[in-house]
Amino acid sequence: MADADRWLIAGLGNPGKQYEGNRHNAGYLCCDEIAANIGVTFKRDRSRAMTGNGLVSGTPVVLAKPMTFMNLSGGPVAALRTFYKIPAERIVVLHDELDLAFGDVRLKLGGGDNGHNGLRSVTASLGTREYHRVRIGIGRPPGRMDPADFVLRDFSRAEAEQLPEILGRAADAVGALITRGLAEAQNLYHERR
């Protein structure tokens, strides 16, 4: 199944209706945005993910939303990497980021998991940190709220109104990463709003 140019784009989140609007599901939401933009529908895959194949700016991609819970996201991502023979440098993980202001979008290659259980699982399952991340800022919890509780809360009404624009920007950033490379994508999408 190898395709010399294929990329794997994995959006992290938790499956189930009760989690749909959670901040922790920003990766799923961005994956849905990309799918809508390129006319891809998801179907359940043997890898324990919802997947769809399509083209981003002419480049073949596999979109994936692991249907395991966040802390087990790595298994499906690694299974898809193996099946499609995709090298780690052509894997993009979309995820929520507490340490970015709400609405900020940042791209990077490699690095730690910063306490994010989904990234920890992906890194462990892939056996490398050298994959791309598109980090979608959700901001820090208010007051003394536990971050674990905060990420499992829905976006506020005001945040939800801004989400389409933010997710659109994150989806565009993925396209820029694939077609123009990391440095140029960072230059385009790292400006503070």
N, C-alpha and C. Protein backbone atom coordinates (compact mmCIF):
# COMPACT_ATOMS: atom_id res chain seq x y z
N MET A 1 0.83 -1.21 0.00
CA MET A 1 0.00 0.00 0.00
C MET A 1 0.86 1.26 0.00
N ALA A 2 2.15 1.13 -0.18
CA ALA A 2 3.01 2.31 -0.08
C ALA A 2 2.73 3.28 -1.22
N ASP A 3 2.71 4.53 -0.91
CA ASP A 3 2.60 5.59 -1.90
C ASP A 3 3.70 6.58 -1.54
N ALA A 4 4.59 6.84 -2.47
CA ALA A 4 5.80 7.59 -2.15
C ALA A 4 5.54 8.94 -1.50
N ASP A 5 4.38 9.55 -1.78
CA ASP A 5 4.13 10.89 -1.27
C ASP A 5 3.06 10.96 -0.19
N ARG A 6 2.48 9.83 0.19
CA ARG A 6 1.32 9.84 1.09
C ARG A 6 1.68 10.35 2.49
N TRP A 7 0.77 11.14 3.06
CA TRP A 7 0.89 11.64 4.43
C TRP A 7 -0.22 11.03 5.27
N LEU A 8 0.03 10.87 6.56
CA LEU A 8 -0.97 10.45 7.53
C LEU A 8 -1.26 11.64 8.43
N ILE A 9 -2.52 12.05 8.49
CA ILE A 9 -2.95 13.18 9.32
C ILE A 9 -3.90 12.62 10.37
N ALA A 10 -3.47 12.63 11.62
CA ALA A 10 -4.24 12.03 12.70
C ALA A 10 -4.73 13.11 13.67
N GLY A 11 -6.04 13.20 13.82
CA GLY A 11 -6.62 14.12 14.78
C GLY A 11 -6.92 13.40 16.08
N LEU A 12 -6.45 13.95 17.20
CA LEU A 12 -6.64 13.28 18.49
C LEU A 12 -7.90 13.78 19.17
N GLY A 13 -8.55 12.87 19.90
CA GLY A 13 -9.75 13.20 20.64
C GLY A 13 -10.26 11.97 21.37
N ASN A 14 -11.43 12.11 21.97
CA ASN A 14 -12.10 10.99 22.63
C ASN A 14 -13.38 10.67 21.86
N PRO A 15 -13.63 9.38 21.58
CA PRO A 15 -14.85 9.03 20.86
C PRO A 15 -16.08 9.12 21.76
N GLY A 16 -17.23 9.33 21.16
CA GLY A 16 -18.48 9.33 21.93
C GLY A 16 -19.13 10.71 21.96
N LYS A 17 -20.46 10.70 21.93
CA LYS A 17 -21.24 11.94 21.90
C LYS A 17 -20.89 12.89 23.03
N GLN A 18 -20.66 12.33 24.24
CA GLN A 18 -20.46 13.21 25.41
C GLN A 18 -19.16 14.01 25.33
N TYR A 19 -18.25 13.64 24.42
CA TYR A 19 -16.96 14.33 24.31
C TYR A 19 -16.88 15.26 23.10
N GLU A 20 -17.90 15.23 22.22
CA GLU A 20 -17.80 15.90 20.93
C GLU A 20 -17.36 17.35 20.99
N GLY A 21 -17.92 18.12 21.93
CA GLY A 21 -17.60 19.54 21.99
C GLY A 21 -16.48 19.91 22.96
N ASN A 22 -15.79 18.89 23.48
CA ASN A 22 -14.72 19.14 24.46
C ASN A 22 -13.50 19.81 23.83
N ARG A 23 -12.80 20.58 24.65
CA ARG A 23 -11.54 21.19 24.20
C ARG A 23 -10.54 20.12 23.76
N HIS A 24 -10.55 18.97 24.47
CA HIS A 24 -9.61 17.88 24.17
C HIS A 24 -9.86 17.30 22.79
N ASN A 25 -11.00 17.61 22.18
CA ASN A 25 -11.32 17.05 20.86
C ASN A 25 -10.99 18.01 19.72
N ALA A 26 -10.18 19.01 19.98
CA ALA A 26 -9.79 19.96 18.93
C ALA A 26 -9.15 19.24 17.75
N GLY A 27 -8.39 18.18 18.01
CA GLY A 27 -7.76 17.42 16.92
C GLY A 27 -8.77 16.74 16.03
N TYR A 28 -9.78 16.11 16.64
CA TYR A 28 -10.88 15.51 15.87
C TYR A 28 -11.56 16.58 15.02
N LEU A 29 -11.86 17.73 15.66
CA LEU A 29 -12.60 18.79 14.97
C LEU A 29 -11.81 19.31 13.77
N CYS A 30 -10.50 19.44 13.92
CA CYS A 30 -9.67 19.90 12.81
C CYS A 30 -9.62 18.85 11.70
N CYS A 31 -9.56 17.58 12.09
CA CYS A 31 -9.57 16.50 11.10
C CYS A 31 -10.88 16.52 10.31
N ASP A 32 -12.00 16.77 11.01
CA ASP A 32 -13.30 16.90 10.34
C ASP A 32 -13.30 18.07 9.36
N GLU A 33 -12.66 19.17 9.76
CA GLU A 33 -12.58 20.36 8.90
C GLU A 33 -11.82 20.04 7.61
N ILE A 34 -10.69 19.35 7.73
CA ILE A 34 -9.91 18.97 6.55
C ILE A 34 -10.74 18.05 5.65
N ALA A 35 -11.41 17.08 6.28
CA ALA A 35 -12.24 16.13 5.51
C ALA A 35 -13.32 16.86 4.73
N ALA A 36 -13.98 17.82 5.38
CA ALA A 36 -15.04 18.59 4.71
C ALA A 36 -14.46 19.39 3.54
N ASN A 37 -13.27 19.97 3.74
CA ASN A 37 -12.63 20.78 2.71
C ASN A 37 -12.28 19.98 1.46
N ILE A 38 -11.90 18.70 1.65
CA ILE A 38 -11.44 17.91 0.50
C ILE A 38 -12.45 16.83 0.08
N GLY A 39 -13.65 16.86 0.69
CA GLY A 39 -14.71 15.95 0.27
C GLY A 39 -14.50 14.50 0.66
N VAL A 40 -13.93 14.29 1.86
CA VAL A 40 -13.67 12.93 2.35
C VAL A 40 -14.69 12.56 3.41
N THR A 41 -15.20 11.34 3.34
CA THR A 41 -16.05 10.82 4.42
C THR A 41 -15.27 9.74 5.16
N PHE A 42 -15.52 9.62 6.45
CA PHE A 42 -14.80 8.66 7.28
C PHE A 42 -15.54 7.33 7.33
N LYS A 43 -14.75 6.25 7.41
CA LYS A 43 -15.33 4.94 7.66
C LYS A 43 -14.46 4.23 8.69
N ARG A 44 -15.07 3.30 9.42
CA ARG A 44 -14.32 2.57 10.44
C ARG A 44 -13.28 1.68 9.77
N ASP A 45 -12.10 1.64 10.36
CA ASP A 45 -10.96 0.93 9.80
C ASP A 45 -10.53 -0.17 10.78
N ARG A 46 -9.86 -1.19 10.26
CA ARG A 46 -9.34 -2.26 11.13
C ARG A 46 -8.39 -1.73 12.19
N SER A 47 -7.82 -0.57 11.95
CA SER A 47 -6.82 0.01 12.85
C SER A 47 -7.44 0.61 14.11
N ARG A 48 -8.76 0.50 14.29
CA ARG A 48 -9.48 1.12 15.40
C ARG A 48 -9.48 2.65 15.25
N ALA A 49 -9.65 3.09 14.02
CA ALA A 49 -9.76 4.52 13.72
C ALA A 49 -10.83 4.71 12.67
N MET A 50 -11.38 5.92 12.63
CA MET A 50 -12.20 6.34 11.50
C MET A 50 -11.23 6.94 10.50
N THR A 51 -11.23 6.47 9.26
CA THR A 51 -10.25 6.94 8.28
C THR A 51 -10.93 7.35 6.98
N GLY A 52 -10.23 8.17 6.22
CA GLY A 52 -10.66 8.57 4.90
C GLY A 52 -9.44 8.92 4.07
N ASN A 53 -9.49 8.61 2.80
CA ASN A 53 -8.38 8.90 1.89
C ASN A 53 -8.79 9.99 0.92
N GLY A 54 -7.87 10.93 0.68
CA GLY A 54 -8.15 12.01 -0.24
C GLY A 54 -6.88 12.72 -0.66
N LEU A 55 -7.06 13.89 -1.23
CA LEU A 55 -5.92 14.69 -1.70
C LEU A 55 -5.96 16.06 -1.04
N VAL A 56 -4.82 16.48 -0.50
CA VAL A 56 -4.64 17.85 -0.02
C VAL A 56 -3.67 18.52 -0.99
N SER A 57 -4.17 19.48 -1.75
CA SER A 57 -3.35 20.17 -2.77
C SER A 57 -2.62 19.17 -3.66
N GLY A 58 -3.33 18.12 -4.07
CA GLY A 58 -2.76 17.13 -4.98
C GLY A 58 -1.93 16.05 -4.33
N THR A 59 -1.70 16.15 -3.02
CA THR A 59 -0.89 15.15 -2.30
C THR A 59 -1.82 14.15 -1.61
N PRO A 60 -1.60 12.84 -1.81
CA PRO A 60 -2.47 11.85 -1.15
C PRO A 60 -2.29 11.87 0.36
N VAL A 61 -3.42 11.82 1.07
CA VAL A 61 -3.39 11.80 2.54
C VAL A 61 -4.36 10.74 3.05
N VAL A 62 -4.04 10.22 4.21
CA VAL A 62 -4.96 9.40 4.99
C VAL A 62 -5.33 10.24 6.20
N LEU A 63 -6.62 10.55 6.34
CA LEU A 63 -7.10 11.24 7.54
C LEU A 63 -7.54 10.17 8.53
N ALA A 64 -7.21 10.37 9.80
CA ALA A 64 -7.55 9.35 10.81
C ALA A 64 -7.96 10.00 12.12
N LYS A 65 -9.02 9.42 12.70
CA LYS A 65 -9.44 9.80 14.06
C LYS A 65 -9.46 8.51 14.88
N PRO A 66 -8.42 8.30 15.72
CA PRO A 66 -8.40 7.08 16.53
C PRO A 66 -9.68 6.97 17.37
N MET A 67 -10.28 5.79 17.38
CA MET A 67 -11.52 5.57 18.13
C MET A 67 -11.26 4.95 19.50
N THR A 68 -10.00 4.91 19.87
CA THR A 68 -9.62 4.55 21.23
C THR A 68 -9.75 5.84 22.05
N PHE A 69 -9.63 5.75 23.35
CA PHE A 69 -9.60 7.00 24.11
C PHE A 69 -8.24 7.65 23.94
N MET A 70 -8.17 8.93 24.29
CA MET A 70 -6.98 9.76 24.05
C MET A 70 -5.68 9.07 24.45
N ASN A 71 -5.66 8.47 25.66
CA ASN A 71 -4.40 7.92 26.16
C ASN A 71 -3.97 6.64 25.45
N LEU A 72 -4.78 6.16 24.49
CA LEU A 72 -4.42 4.99 23.69
C LEU A 72 -4.38 5.31 22.19
N SER A 73 -4.27 6.60 21.87
CA SER A 73 -4.30 7.04 20.46
C SER A 73 -3.18 6.45 19.62
N GLY A 74 -2.06 6.14 20.24
CA GLY A 74 -0.89 5.72 19.48
C GLY A 74 -1.06 4.42 18.72
N GLY A 75 -1.81 3.47 19.28
CA GLY A 75 -1.98 2.17 18.62
C GLY A 75 -2.54 2.30 17.21
N PRO A 76 -3.69 2.97 17.05
CA PRO A 76 -4.23 3.14 15.70
C PRO A 76 -3.30 3.93 14.77
N VAL A 77 -2.64 4.97 15.29
CA VAL A 77 -1.73 5.76 14.45
C VAL A 77 -0.58 4.88 13.96
N ALA A 78 0.00 4.09 14.86
CA ALA A 78 1.11 3.21 14.47
C ALA A 78 0.64 2.13 13.48
N ALA A 79 -0.57 1.60 13.67
CA ALA A 79 -1.10 0.58 12.76
C ALA A 79 -1.26 1.16 11.35
N LEU A 80 -1.77 2.38 11.26
CA LEU A 80 -1.93 3.02 9.95
C LEU A 80 -0.57 3.33 9.31
N ARG A 81 0.37 3.78 10.13
CA ARG A 81 1.72 4.05 9.59
C ARG A 81 2.29 2.77 9.00
N THR A 82 2.14 1.65 9.69
CA THR A 82 2.68 0.38 9.21
C THR A 82 1.97 -0.06 7.93
N PHE A 83 0.63 0.01 7.93
CA PHE A 83 -0.15 -0.44 6.78
C PHE A 83 0.20 0.35 5.52
N TYR A 84 0.28 1.67 5.66
CA TYR A 84 0.53 2.52 4.49
C TYR A 84 2.02 2.78 4.24
N LYS A 85 2.87 2.26 5.13
CA LYS A 85 4.34 2.44 5.00
C LYS A 85 4.71 3.93 4.92
N ILE A 86 4.19 4.69 5.87
CA ILE A 86 4.43 6.14 5.90
C ILE A 86 5.53 6.44 6.91
N PRO A 87 6.60 7.13 6.49
CA PRO A 87 7.65 7.47 7.44
C PRO A 87 7.17 8.52 8.45
N ALA A 88 7.78 8.53 9.62
CA ALA A 88 7.35 9.43 10.71
C ALA A 88 7.33 10.89 10.28
N GLU A 89 8.27 11.28 9.39
CA GLU A 89 8.32 12.69 8.99
C GLU A 89 7.15 13.10 8.09
N ARG A 90 6.32 12.13 7.67
CA ARG A 90 5.10 12.47 6.92
C ARG A 90 3.85 12.15 7.73
N ILE A 91 3.99 12.15 9.05
CA ILE A 91 2.85 12.01 9.96
C ILE A 91 2.60 13.36 10.61
N VAL A 92 1.33 13.79 10.61
CA VAL A 92 0.93 15.04 11.27
C VAL A 92 -0.11 14.69 12.32
N VAL A 93 0.14 15.08 13.56
CA VAL A 93 -0.81 14.86 14.64
C VAL A 93 -1.43 16.20 15.01
N LEU A 94 -2.76 16.26 14.98
CA LEU A 94 -3.52 17.47 15.32
C LEU A 94 -4.00 17.32 16.76
N HIS A 95 -3.71 18.32 17.61
CA HIS A 95 -4.09 18.16 19.01
C HIS A 95 -4.31 19.51 19.70
N ASP A 96 -5.05 19.45 20.81
CA ASP A 96 -5.27 20.62 21.66
C ASP A 96 -3.99 20.91 22.44
N GLU A 97 -3.78 22.19 22.76
CA GLU A 97 -2.56 22.60 23.48
C GLU A 97 -2.91 23.61 24.57
N LEU A 98 -2.75 23.20 25.82
CA LEU A 98 -3.02 24.07 26.98
C LEU A 98 -2.08 25.28 27.02
N ASP A 99 -0.85 25.10 26.59
CA ASP A 99 0.15 26.16 26.73
C ASP A 99 0.17 27.16 25.59
N LEU A 100 -0.88 27.14 24.76
CA LEU A 100 -1.05 28.17 23.75
C LEU A 100 -2.36 28.89 24.04
N ALA A 101 -2.37 30.20 23.82
CA ALA A 101 -3.60 30.97 24.01
C ALA A 101 -4.70 30.41 23.11
N PHE A 102 -5.93 30.51 23.57
CA PHE A 102 -7.05 30.02 22.77
C PHE A 102 -6.99 30.64 21.37
N GLY A 103 -7.06 29.77 20.36
CA GLY A 103 -7.09 30.23 18.98
C GLY A 103 -5.74 30.28 18.29
N ASP A 104 -4.65 30.23 19.05
CA ASP A 104 -3.33 30.21 18.40
C ASP A 104 -3.11 28.84 17.76
N VAL A 105 -2.45 28.84 16.62
CA VAL A 105 -2.11 27.61 15.90
C VAL A 105 -0.60 27.60 15.71
N ARG A 106 0.03 26.51 16.10
CA ARG A 106 1.48 26.38 15.96
C ARG A 106 1.83 25.02 15.38
N LEU A 107 2.88 24.99 14.56
CA LEU A 107 3.36 23.76 13.97
C LEU A 107 4.76 23.48 14.48
N LYS A 108 5.07 22.20 14.66
CA LYS A 108 6.44 21.85 15.01
C LYS A 108 6.71 20.41 14.63
N LEU A 109 7.99 20.08 14.58
CA LEU A 109 8.44 18.72 14.33
C LEU A 109 9.14 18.24 15.59
N GLY A 110 8.70 17.09 16.11
CA GLY A 110 9.35 16.52 17.28
C GLY A 110 9.03 17.28 18.56
N GLY A 111 9.76 16.93 19.60
CA GLY A 111 9.57 17.57 20.90
C GLY A 111 8.90 16.62 21.88
N GLY A 112 8.71 17.11 23.10
CA GLY A 112 8.11 16.30 24.15
C GLY A 112 6.59 16.27 24.04
N ASP A 113 5.97 15.60 25.02
CA ASP A 113 4.51 15.51 24.99
C ASP A 113 3.84 16.58 25.85
N ASN A 114 4.62 17.29 26.66
CA ASN A 114 4.10 18.41 27.46
C ASN A 114 2.90 17.99 28.32
N GLY A 115 2.92 16.74 28.80
CA GLY A 115 1.84 16.26 29.65
C GLY A 115 0.60 15.82 28.89
N HIS A 116 0.65 15.82 27.55
CA HIS A 116 -0.51 15.44 26.74
C HIS A 116 -0.51 13.92 26.55
N ASN A 117 -1.51 13.25 27.13
CA ASN A 117 -1.54 11.79 27.10
C ASN A 117 -1.65 11.21 25.69
N GLY A 118 -2.33 11.92 24.80
CA GLY A 118 -2.43 11.45 23.42
C GLY A 118 -1.07 11.46 22.74
N LEU A 119 -0.33 12.55 22.90
CA LEU A 119 1.02 12.62 22.31
C LEU A 119 1.94 11.58 22.93
N ARG A 120 1.83 11.39 24.24
CA ARG A 120 2.66 10.39 24.92
C ARG A 120 2.42 9.01 24.29
N SER A 121 1.15 8.68 24.04
CA SER A 121 0.80 7.39 23.45
C SER A 121 1.31 7.27 22.01
N VAL A 122 1.15 8.33 21.23
CA VAL A 122 1.62 8.31 19.84
C VAL A 122 3.14 8.12 19.79
N THR A 123 3.86 8.88 20.61
CA THR A 123 5.32 8.78 20.64
C THR A 123 5.76 7.37 21.03
N ALA A 124 5.13 6.81 22.07
CA ALA A 124 5.49 5.46 22.52
C ALA A 124 5.20 4.43 21.42
N SER A 125 4.06 4.56 20.76
CA SER A 125 3.67 3.57 19.74
C SER A 125 4.49 3.69 18.46
N LEU A 126 4.85 4.92 18.08
CA LEU A 126 5.67 5.11 16.88
C LEU A 126 7.14 4.82 17.16
N GLY A 127 7.55 4.93 18.42
CA GLY A 127 8.95 4.73 18.77
C GLY A 127 9.83 5.91 18.40
N THR A 128 9.20 7.07 18.16
CA THR A 128 9.95 8.28 17.83
C THR A 128 9.11 9.51 18.17
N ARG A 129 9.81 10.61 18.42
CA ARG A 129 9.14 11.91 18.61
C ARG A 129 9.15 12.72 17.32
N GLU A 130 9.81 12.22 16.31
CA GLU A 130 10.06 13.00 15.09
C GLU A 130 8.90 12.92 14.11
N TYR A 131 7.73 13.36 14.55
CA TYR A 131 6.58 13.52 13.68
C TYR A 131 6.09 14.95 13.85
N HIS A 132 5.32 15.44 12.88
CA HIS A 132 4.83 16.82 12.94
C HIS A 132 3.62 16.92 13.86
N ARG A 133 3.50 18.08 14.49
CA ARG A 133 2.33 18.37 15.32
C ARG A 133 1.74 19.70 14.88
N VAL A 134 0.43 19.75 14.79
CA VAL A 134 -0.28 21.02 14.63
C VAL A 134 -1.02 21.22 15.94
N ARG A 135 -0.56 22.22 16.69
CA ARG A 135 -1.03 22.48 18.05
C ARG A 135 -2.11 23.56 18.01
N ILE A 136 -3.28 23.24 18.53
CA ILE A 136 -4.42 24.16 18.51
C ILE A 136 -4.62 24.67 19.93
N GLY A 137 -4.36 25.96 20.13
CA GLY A 137 -4.39 26.53 21.48
C GLY A 137 -5.78 26.53 22.09
N ILE A 138 -5.87 26.03 23.33
CA ILE A 138 -7.13 26.07 24.07
C ILE A 138 -7.00 26.92 25.34
N GLY A 139 -5.78 27.43 25.61
CA GLY A 139 -5.57 28.27 26.79
C GLY A 139 -5.50 27.46 28.07
N ARG A 140 -5.18 28.15 29.16
CA ARG A 140 -5.06 27.52 30.48
C ARG A 140 -6.40 27.56 31.19
N PRO A 141 -6.63 26.61 32.11
CA PRO A 141 -7.88 26.63 32.87
C PRO A 141 -7.96 27.85 33.78
N PRO A 142 -9.19 28.32 34.05
CA PRO A 142 -9.34 29.47 34.94
C PRO A 142 -9.07 29.08 36.39
N GLY A 143 -8.57 30.03 37.16
CA GLY A 143 -8.36 29.83 38.59
C GLY A 143 -7.52 28.61 38.89
N ARG A 144 -8.05 27.79 39.78
CA ARG A 144 -7.31 26.58 40.20
C ARG A 144 -7.90 25.31 39.60
N MET A 145 -8.67 25.46 38.55
CA MET A 145 -9.28 24.27 37.93
C MET A 145 -8.19 23.31 37.45
N ASP A 146 -8.41 22.04 37.70
CA ASP A 146 -7.50 20.99 37.26
C ASP A 146 -7.49 20.96 35.73
N PRO A 147 -6.31 21.01 35.10
CA PRO A 147 -6.26 20.94 33.64
C PRO A 147 -6.98 19.71 33.07
N ALA A 148 -6.95 18.58 33.80
CA ALA A 148 -7.63 17.37 33.33
C ALA A 148 -9.13 17.58 33.23
N ASP A 149 -9.69 18.38 34.14
CA ASP A 149 -11.12 18.71 34.07
C ASP A 149 -11.39 19.71 32.95
N PHE A 150 -10.49 20.68 32.82
CA PHE A 150 -10.66 21.74 31.83
C PHE A 150 -10.72 21.20 30.41
N VAL A 151 -9.82 20.27 30.07
CA VAL A 151 -9.77 19.77 28.69
C VAL A 151 -11.00 18.95 28.34
N LEU A 152 -11.68 18.40 29.37
CA LEU A 152 -12.88 17.60 29.14
C LEU A 152 -14.16 18.42 29.23
N ARG A 153 -14.02 19.74 29.31
CA ARG A 153 -15.19 20.63 29.25
C ARG A 153 -15.38 21.10 27.82
N ASP A 154 -16.63 21.39 27.48
CA ASP A 154 -16.92 21.93 26.16
C ASP A 154 -16.35 23.33 26.01
N PHE A 155 -16.08 23.72 24.79
CA PHE A 155 -15.73 25.10 24.50
C PHE A 155 -16.89 25.99 24.96
N SER A 156 -16.56 27.17 25.47
CA SER A 156 -17.59 28.12 25.86
C SER A 156 -18.35 28.59 24.61
N ARG A 157 -19.48 29.22 24.82
CA ARG A 157 -20.27 29.71 23.68
C ARG A 157 -19.43 30.70 22.85
N ALA A 158 -18.72 31.60 23.52
CA ALA A 158 -17.90 32.59 22.80
C ALA A 158 -16.78 31.89 22.02
N GLU A 159 -16.15 30.89 22.64
CA GLU A 159 -15.10 30.15 21.95
C GLU A 159 -15.68 29.38 20.76
N ALA A 160 -16.84 28.76 20.97
CA ALA A 160 -17.46 27.96 19.89
C ALA A 160 -17.75 28.83 18.67
N GLU A 161 -18.10 30.10 18.90
CA GLU A 161 -18.35 31.00 17.77
C GLU A 161 -17.09 31.27 16.96
N GLN A 162 -15.93 31.23 17.62
CA GLN A 162 -14.66 31.48 16.93
C GLN A 162 -14.05 30.22 16.33
N LEU A 163 -14.54 29.06 16.76
CA LEU A 163 -13.93 27.79 16.34
C LEU A 163 -13.85 27.59 14.83
N PRO A 164 -14.90 27.88 14.05
CA PRO A 164 -14.79 27.62 12.61
C PRO A 164 -13.59 28.32 11.97
N GLU A 165 -13.34 29.56 12.36
CA GLU A 165 -12.20 30.30 11.80
C GLU A 165 -10.88 29.68 12.25
N ILE A 166 -10.79 29.28 13.52
CA ILE A 166 -9.56 28.69 14.06
C ILE A 166 -9.28 27.35 13.40
N LEU A 167 -10.31 26.52 13.31
CA LEU A 167 -10.13 25.20 12.70
C LEU A 167 -9.80 25.33 11.21
N GLY A 168 -10.38 26.34 10.56
CA GLY A 168 -10.04 26.60 9.16
C GLY A 168 -8.58 26.97 9.00
N ARG A 169 -8.08 27.80 9.94
CA ARG A 169 -6.68 28.19 9.89
C ARG A 169 -5.76 27.00 10.15
N ALA A 170 -6.14 26.15 11.12
CA ALA A 170 -5.34 24.96 11.42
C ALA A 170 -5.32 24.01 10.22
N ALA A 171 -6.48 23.84 9.57
CA ALA A 171 -6.55 22.98 8.38
C ALA A 171 -5.68 23.54 7.25
N ASP A 172 -5.73 24.86 7.07
CA ASP A 172 -4.88 25.50 6.05
C ASP A 172 -3.40 25.32 6.38
N ALA A 173 -3.08 25.36 7.67
CA ALA A 173 -1.69 25.18 8.10
C ALA A 173 -1.19 23.78 7.73
N VAL A 174 -2.07 22.78 7.86
CA VAL A 174 -1.69 21.42 7.45
C VAL A 174 -1.39 21.39 5.96
N GLY A 175 -2.24 22.04 5.16
CA GLY A 175 -1.99 22.10 3.72
C GLY A 175 -0.67 22.77 3.40
N ALA A 176 -0.37 23.85 4.10
CA ALA A 176 0.90 24.56 3.87
C ALA A 176 2.09 23.69 4.27
N LEU A 177 1.96 22.97 5.37
CA LEU A 177 3.03 22.07 5.81
C LEU A 177 3.33 21.03 4.74
N ILE A 178 2.28 20.43 4.19
CA ILE A 178 2.46 19.36 3.20
C ILE A 178 3.02 19.90 1.89
N THR A 179 2.55 21.07 1.47
CA THR A 179 2.94 21.56 0.14
C THR A 179 4.17 22.46 0.16
N ARG A 180 4.40 23.18 1.27
CA ARG A 180 5.49 24.16 1.30
C ARG A 180 6.60 23.83 2.29
N GLY A 181 6.35 22.87 3.18
CA GLY A 181 7.35 22.51 4.18
C GLY A 181 7.12 23.24 5.50
N LEU A 182 7.78 22.74 6.54
CA LEU A 182 7.54 23.23 7.90
C LEU A 182 7.91 24.70 8.08
N ALA A 183 9.09 25.09 7.63
CA ALA A 183 9.55 26.46 7.89
C ALA A 183 8.59 27.49 7.28
N GLU A 184 8.17 27.26 6.06
CA GLU A 184 7.27 28.23 5.41
C GLU A 184 5.90 28.22 6.07
N ALA A 185 5.42 27.03 6.44
CA ALA A 185 4.12 26.94 7.13
C ALA A 185 4.18 27.68 8.47
N GLN A 186 5.29 27.55 9.18
CA GLN A 186 5.45 28.27 10.46
C GLN A 186 5.44 29.78 10.22
N ASN A 187 6.14 30.22 9.18
CA ASN A 187 6.16 31.65 8.87
C ASN A 187 4.76 32.18 8.59
N LEU A 188 3.95 31.38 7.92
CA LEU A 188 2.61 31.81 7.54
C LEU A 188 1.62 31.81 8.71
N TYR A 189 1.77 30.84 9.63
CA TYR A 189 0.71 30.61 10.62
C TYR A 189 1.11 30.92 12.06
N HIS A 190 2.34 31.36 12.30
CA HIS A 190 2.75 31.60 13.69
C HIS A 190 2.57 33.05 14.14
N GLU A 191 1.99 33.90 13.30
CA GLU A 191 1.79 35.26 13.74
C GLU A 191 0.76 35.29 14.87
N ARG A 192 0.96 36.15 15.83
CA ARG A 192 -0.03 36.27 16.93
C ARG A 192 -1.25 36.99 16.40
N ARG A 193 -2.40 36.51 16.82
CA ARG A 193 -3.63 37.10 16.32
C ARG A 193 -3.98 38.35 17.12
